[in-house]
């Protein structure tokens, strides 16, 4: 049985690849607090997959 591992933390580049958003858009979302990030020592901005999911689900729900 294969187990699929889902990354818990994403980089800004990961978010760009997943969403297709520009880096500047992602940084603006982080700065505004719409996309929450966490501080990991010696690491660039890290975003929990749950935070990205919440933002995407919220945006989807607002459109419907």
PDB file of N, CA and C in Angstrom:
ATOM      1  N   UNK A   1       0.847  -1.177   0.000  1.00  0.00           N
ATOM      2  CA  UNK A   1       0.000   0.000   0.000  1.00  0.00           C
ATOM      3  C   UNK A   1       0.892   1.239   0.000  1.00  0.00           C
ATOM      4  N   UNK A   2       0.677   2.127  -0.952  1.00  0.00           N
ATOM      5  CA  UNK A   2       1.463   3.356  -1.055  1.00  0.00           C
ATOM      6  C   UNK A   2       0.821   4.446  -0.208  1.00  0.00           C
ATOM      7  N   UNK A   3       1.664   5.174   0.482  1.00  0.00           N
ATOM      8  CA  UNK A   3       1.189   6.278   1.310  1.00  0.00           C
ATOM      9  C   UNK A   3       1.641   7.571   0.659  1.00  0.00           C
ATOM     10  N   UNK A   4       0.704   8.456   0.369  1.00  0.00           N
ATOM     11  CA  UNK A   4       1.034   9.743  -0.234  1.00  0.00           C
ATOM     12  C   UNK A   4       1.313  10.744   0.883  1.00  0.00           C
ATOM     13  N   UNK A   5       2.480  11.346   0.839  1.00  0.00           N
ATOM     14  CA  UNK A   5       2.862  12.338   1.842  1.00  0.00           C
ATOM     15  C   UNK A   5       2.518  13.723   1.297  1.00  0.00           C
ATOM     16  N   UNK A   6       1.799  14.485   2.054  1.00  0.00           N
ATOM     17  CA  UNK A   6       1.469  15.850   1.673  1.00  0.00           C
ATOM     18  C   UNK A   6       2.370  16.780   2.467  1.00  0.00           C
ATOM     19  N   UNK A   7       3.006  17.718   1.761  1.00  0.00           N
ATOM     20  CA  UNK A   7       3.866  18.668   2.446  1.00  0.00           C
ATOM     21  C   UNK A   7       3.039  19.495   3.417  1.00  0.00           C
ATOM     22  N   UNK A   8       3.552  19.679   4.607  1.00  0.00           N
ATOM     23  CA  UNK A   8       2.849  20.479   5.607  1.00  0.00           C
ATOM     24  C   UNK A   8       3.183  21.959   5.450  1.00  0.00           C
ATOM     25  N   UNK A   9       4.426  22.248   5.052  1.00  0.00           N
ATOM     26  CA  UNK A   9       4.862  23.624   4.857  1.00  0.00           C
ATOM     27  C   UNK A   9       5.218  23.861   3.400  1.00  0.00           C
ATOM     28  N   UNK A  10       4.801  25.009   2.906  1.00  0.00           N
ATOM     29  CA  UNK A  10       5.064  25.381   1.521  1.00  0.00           C
ATOM     30  C   UNK A  10       5.922  26.631   1.465  1.00  0.00           C
ATOM     31  N   UNK A  11       6.770  26.702   0.469  1.00  0.00           N
ATOM     32  CA  UNK A  11       7.509  27.935   0.214  1.00  0.00           C
ATOM     33  C   UNK A  11       6.643  28.833  -0.669  1.00  0.00           C
ATOM     34  N   UNK A  12       7.069  30.068  -0.833  1.00  0.00           N
ATOM     35  CA  UNK A  12       6.356  30.991  -1.718  1.00  0.00           C
ATOM     36  C   UNK A  12       6.360  30.419  -3.141  1.00  0.00           C
ATOM     37  N   UNK A  13       7.474  29.817  -3.540  1.00  0.00           N
ATOM     38  CA  UNK A  13       7.554  29.213  -4.882  1.00  0.00           C
ATOM     39  C   UNK A  13       6.589  28.042  -5.022  1.00  0.00           C
ATOM     40  N   UNK A  14       6.411  27.269  -3.954  1.00  0.00           N
ATOM     41  CA  UNK A  14       5.430  26.178  -3.974  1.00  0.00           C
ATOM     42  C   UNK A  14       4.024  26.733  -4.198  1.00  0.00           C
ATOM     43  N   UNK A  15       3.698  27.798  -3.461  1.00  0.00           N
ATOM     44  CA  UNK A  15       2.373  28.414  -3.588  1.00  0.00           C
ATOM     45  C   UNK A  15       2.181  28.942  -5.006  1.00  0.00           C
ATOM     46  N   UNK A  16       3.214  29.538  -5.573  1.00  0.00           N
ATOM     47  CA  UNK A  16       3.156  30.044  -6.958  1.00  0.00           C
ATOM     48  C   UNK A  16       2.866  28.905  -7.927  1.00  0.00           C
ATOM     49  N   UNK A  17       3.545  27.788  -7.732  1.00  0.00           N
ATOM     50  CA  UNK A  17       3.358  26.643  -8.611  1.00  0.00           C
ATOM     51  C   UNK A  17       1.947  26.057  -8.476  1.00  0.00           C
ATOM     52  N   UNK A  18       1.431  26.012  -7.265  1.00  0.00           N
ATOM     53  CA  UNK A  18       0.105  25.446  -7.018  1.00  0.00           C
ATOM     54  C   UNK A  18      -1.001  26.348  -7.558  1.00  0.00           C
ATOM     55  N   UNK A  19      -0.865  27.654  -7.303  1.00  0.00           N
ATOM     56  CA  UNK A  19      -1.957  28.587  -7.609  1.00  0.00           C
ATOM     57  C   UNK A  19      -1.830  29.292  -8.948  1.00  0.00           C
ATOM     58  N   UNK A  20      -0.589  29.462  -9.417  1.00  0.00           N
ATOM     59  CA  UNK A  20      -0.373  30.242 -10.629  1.00  0.00           C
ATOM     60  C   UNK A  20      -0.293  31.736 -10.360  1.00  0.00           C
ATOM     61  N   UNK A  21      -0.351  32.126  -9.075  1.00  0.00           N
ATOM     62  CA  UNK A  21      -0.255  33.536  -8.698  1.00  0.00           C
ATOM     63  C   UNK A  21       1.181  34.011  -8.850  1.00  0.00           C
ATOM     64  N   UNK A  22       1.345  35.309  -9.037  1.00  0.00           N
ATOM     65  CA  UNK A  22       2.690  35.886  -9.099  1.00  0.00           C
ATOM     66  C   UNK A  22       3.287  35.940  -7.694  1.00  0.00           C
ATOM     67  N   UNK A  23       4.616  36.015  -7.643  1.00  0.00           N
ATOM     68  CA  UNK A  23       5.288  36.126  -6.349  1.00  0.00           C
ATOM     69  C   UNK A  23       4.846  37.383  -5.616  1.00  0.00           C
ATOM     70  N   UNK A  24       4.685  38.490  -6.358  1.00  0.00           N
ATOM     71  CA  UNK A  24       4.280  39.737  -5.696  1.00  0.00           C
ATOM     72  C   UNK A  24       2.885  39.609  -5.085  1.00  0.00           C
ATOM     73  N   UNK A  25       1.989  38.904  -5.747  1.00  0.00           N
ATOM     74  CA  UNK A  25       0.646  38.688  -5.196  1.00  0.00           C
ATOM     75  C   UNK A  25       0.720  37.876  -3.907  1.00  0.00           C
ATOM     76  N   UNK A  26       1.544  36.850  -3.900  1.00  0.00           N
ATOM     77  CA  UNK A  26       1.680  36.006  -2.711  1.00  0.00           C
ATOM     78  C   UNK A  26       2.261  36.811  -1.560  1.00  0.00           C
ATOM     79  N   UNK A  27       3.306  37.595  -1.835  1.00  0.00           N
ATOM     80  CA  UNK A  27       3.900  38.423  -0.773  1.00  0.00           C
ATOM     81  C   UNK A  27       2.889  39.447  -0.247  1.00  0.00           C
ATOM     82  N   UNK A  28       2.066  40.011  -1.128  1.00  0.00           N
ATOM     83  CA  UNK A  28       1.031  40.962  -0.689  1.00  0.00           C
ATOM     84  C   UNK A  28       0.006  40.267   0.217  1.00  0.00           C
ATOM     85  N   UNK A  29      -0.392  39.057  -0.150  1.00  0.00           N
ATOM     86  CA  UNK A  29      -1.345  38.305   0.671  1.00  0.00           C
ATOM     87  C   UNK A  29      -0.763  37.994   2.043  1.00  0.00           C
ATOM     88  N   UNK A  30       0.529  37.655   2.083  1.00  0.00           N
ATOM     89  CA  UNK A  30       1.192  37.380   3.364  1.00  0.00           C
ATOM     90  C   UNK A  30       1.271  38.666   4.184  1.00  0.00           C
ATOM     91  N   UNK A  31       1.701  39.751   3.551  1.00  0.00           N
ATOM     92  CA  UNK A  31       1.853  41.025   4.267  1.00  0.00           C
ATOM     93  C   UNK A  31       0.518  41.521   4.822  1.00  0.00           C
ATOM     94  N   UNK A  32      -0.559  41.320   4.066  1.00  0.00           N
ATOM     95  CA  UNK A  32      -1.878  41.785   4.512  1.00  0.00           C
ATOM     96  C   UNK A  32      -2.499  40.869   5.560  1.00  0.00           C
ATOM     97  N   UNK A  33      -1.925  39.669   5.720  1.00  0.00           N
ATOM     98  CA  UNK A  33      -2.476  38.729   6.686  1.00  0.00           C
ATOM     99  C   UNK A  33      -3.536  37.806   6.113  1.00  0.00           C
ATOM    100  N   UNK A  34      -3.855  37.976   4.834  1.00  0.00           N
ATOM    101  CA  UNK A  34      -4.848  37.107   4.207  1.00  0.00           C
ATOM    102  C   UNK A  34      -4.315  35.682   4.051  1.00  0.00           C
ATOM    103  N   UNK A  35      -3.001  35.573   3.871  1.00  0.00           N
ATOM    104  CA  UNK A  35      -2.340  34.270   3.801  1.00  0.00           C
ATOM    105  C   UNK A  35      -1.323  34.248   4.928  1.00  0.00           C
ATOM    106  N   UNK A  36      -1.630  33.493   5.957  1.00  0.00           N
ATOM    107  CA  UNK A  36      -0.785  33.482   7.154  1.00  0.00           C
ATOM    108  C   UNK A  36       0.457  32.637   6.915  1.00  0.00           C
ATOM    109  N   UNK A  37       1.587  33.159   7.386  1.00  0.00           N
ATOM    110  CA  UNK A  37       2.852  32.439   7.263  1.00  0.00           C
ATOM    111  C   UNK A  37       3.419  32.195   8.652  1.00  0.00           C
ATOM    112  N   UNK A  38       4.407  31.328   8.716  1.00  0.00           N
ATOM    113  CA  UNK A  38       5.062  31.061   9.994  1.00  0.00           C
ATOM    114  C   UNK A  38       6.552  31.307   9.838  1.00  0.00           C
ATOM    115  N   UNK A  39       7.197  31.589  10.950  1.00  0.00           N
ATOM    116  CA  UNK A  39       8.635  31.815  10.960  1.00  0.00           C
ATOM    117  C   UNK A  39       9.346  30.518  11.314  1.00  0.00           C
ATOM    118  N   UNK A  40      10.155  30.064  10.387  1.00  0.00           N
ATOM    119  CA  UNK A  40      11.009  28.907  10.620  1.00  0.00           C
ATOM    120  C   UNK A  40      12.439  29.418  10.531  1.00  0.00           C
ATOM    121  N   UNK A  41      13.235  29.233  11.580  1.00  0.00           N
ATOM    122  CA  UNK A  41      14.599  29.755  11.565  1.00  0.00           C
ATOM    123  C   UNK A  41      15.390  29.299  10.336  1.00  0.00           C
ATOM    124  N   UNK A  42      16.149  30.242   9.783  1.00  0.00           N
ATOM    125  CA  UNK A  42      17.015  29.987   8.630  1.00  0.00           C
ATOM    126  C   UNK A  42      16.270  29.501   7.393  1.00  0.00           C
ATOM    127  N   UNK A  43      15.012  29.895   7.271  1.00  0.00           N
ATOM    128  CA  UNK A  43      14.179  29.481   6.143  1.00  0.00           C
ATOM    129  C   UNK A  43      13.397  30.686   5.642  1.00  0.00           C
ATOM    130  N   UNK A  44      13.221  30.765   4.319  1.00  0.00           N
ATOM    131  CA  UNK A  44      12.351  31.838   3.811  1.00  0.00           C
ATOM    132  C   UNK A  44      10.922  31.654   4.326  1.00  0.00           C
ATOM    133  N   UNK A  45      10.031  32.513   3.911  1.00  0.00           N
ATOM    134  CA  UNK A  45       8.627  32.445   4.339  1.00  0.00           C
ATOM    135  C   UNK A  45       8.087  31.031   4.137  1.00  0.00           C
ATOM    136  N   UNK A  46       7.416  30.521   5.162  1.00  0.00           N
ATOM    137  CA  UNK A  46       6.786  29.203   5.088  1.00  0.00           C
ATOM    138  C   UNK A  46       5.297  29.356   5.324  1.00  0.00           C
ATOM    139  N   UNK A  47       4.521  28.640   4.539  1.00  0.00           N
ATOM    140  CA  UNK A  47       3.064  28.722   4.613  1.00  0.00           C
ATOM    141  C   UNK A  47       2.526  27.310   4.821  1.00  0.00           C
ATOM    142  N   UNK A  48       1.693  27.145   5.829  1.00  0.00           N
ATOM    143  CA  UNK A  48       1.081  25.831   6.072  1.00  0.00           C
ATOM    144  C   UNK A  48       0.083  25.531   4.953  1.00  0.00           C
ATOM    145  N   UNK A  49       0.035  24.283   4.538  1.00  0.00           N
ATOM    146  CA  UNK A  49      -0.921  23.905   3.498  1.00  0.00           C
ATOM    147  C   UNK A  49      -2.350  24.189   3.943  1.00  0.00           C
ATOM    148  N   UNK A  50      -2.602  24.060   5.247  1.00  0.00           N
ATOM    149  CA  UNK A  50      -3.955  24.325   5.751  1.00  0.00           C
ATOM    150  C   UNK A  50      -4.339  25.790   5.571  1.00  0.00           C
ATOM    151  N   UNK A  51      -3.351  26.698   5.692  1.00  0.00           N
ATOM    152  CA  UNK A  51      -3.621  28.131   5.498  1.00  0.00           C
ATOM    153  C   UNK A  51      -3.939  28.435   4.036  1.00  0.00           C
ATOM    154  N   UNK A  52      -3.191  27.805   3.121  1.00  0.00           N
ATOM    155  CA  UNK A  52      -3.476  28.003   1.698  1.00  0.00           C
ATOM    156  C   UNK A  52      -4.842  27.421   1.353  1.00  0.00           C
ATOM    157  N   UNK A  53      -5.137  26.234   1.867  1.00  0.00           N
ATOM    158  CA  UNK A  53      -6.444  25.622   1.644  1.00  0.00           C
ATOM    159  C   UNK A  53      -7.566  26.529   2.140  1.00  0.00           C
ATOM    160  N   UNK A  54      -7.396  27.106   3.329  1.00  0.00           N
ATOM    161  CA  UNK A  54      -8.414  27.983   3.899  1.00  0.00           C
ATOM    162  C   UNK A  54      -8.631  29.214   3.030  1.00  0.00           C
ATOM    163  N   UNK A  55      -7.533  29.799   2.536  1.00  0.00           N
ATOM    164  CA  UNK A  55      -7.654  30.972   1.679  1.00  0.00           C
ATOM    165  C   UNK A  55      -8.360  30.612   0.381  1.00  0.00           C
ATOM    166  N   UNK A  56      -7.955  29.507  -0.225  1.00  0.00           N
ATOM    167  CA  UNK A  56      -8.570  29.092  -1.486  1.00  0.00           C
ATOM    168  C   UNK A  56     -10.037  28.731  -1.301  1.00  0.00           C
ATOM    169  N   UNK A  57     -10.363  28.041  -0.230  1.00  0.00           N
ATOM    170  CA  UNK A  57     -11.761  27.680   0.028  1.00  0.00           C
ATOM    171  C   UNK A  57     -12.596  28.907   0.331  1.00  0.00           C
ATOM    172  N   UNK A  58     -12.033  29.862   1.053  1.00  0.00           N
ATOM    173  CA  UNK A  58     -12.743  31.109   1.337  1.00  0.00           C
ATOM    174  C   UNK A  58     -13.002  31.908   0.085  1.00  0.00           C
ATOM    175  N   UNK A  59     -12.013  31.969  -0.801  1.00  0.00           N
ATOM    176  CA  UNK A  59     -12.175  32.699  -2.061  1.00  0.00           C
ATOM    177  C   UNK A  59     -13.217  32.015  -2.925  1.00  0.00           C
ATOM    178  N   UNK A  60     -13.205  30.681  -2.930  1.00  0.00           N
ATOM    179  CA  UNK A  60     -14.182  29.935  -3.713  1.00  0.00           C
ATOM    180  C   UNK A  60     -15.581  30.136  -3.175  1.00  0.00           C
ATOM    181  N   UNK A  61     -15.723  30.103  -1.853  1.00  0.00           N
ATOM    182  CA  UNK A  61     -17.044  30.266  -1.234  1.00  0.00           C
ATOM    183  C   UNK A  61     -17.600  31.657  -1.456  1.00  0.00           C
ATOM    184  N   UNK A  62     -16.720  32.673  -1.510  1.00  0.00           N
ATOM    185  CA  UNK A  62     -17.197  34.043  -1.742  1.00  0.00           C
ATOM    186  C   UNK A  62     -17.723  34.223  -3.158  1.00  0.00           C
ATOM    187  N   UNK A  63     -17.223  33.432  -4.111  1.00  0.00           N
ATOM    188  CA  UNK A  63     -17.653  33.552  -5.488  1.00  0.00           C
ATOM    189  C   UNK A  63     -18.992  32.881  -5.718  1.00  0.00           C
ATOM    190  N   UNK A  64     -19.392  31.962  -4.847  1.00  0.00           N
ATOM    191  CA  UNK A  64     -20.641  31.230  -5.022  1.00  0.00           C
ATOM    192  C   UNK A  64     -21.743  31.765  -4.163  1.00  0.00           C
TER     193      UNK A  64
END
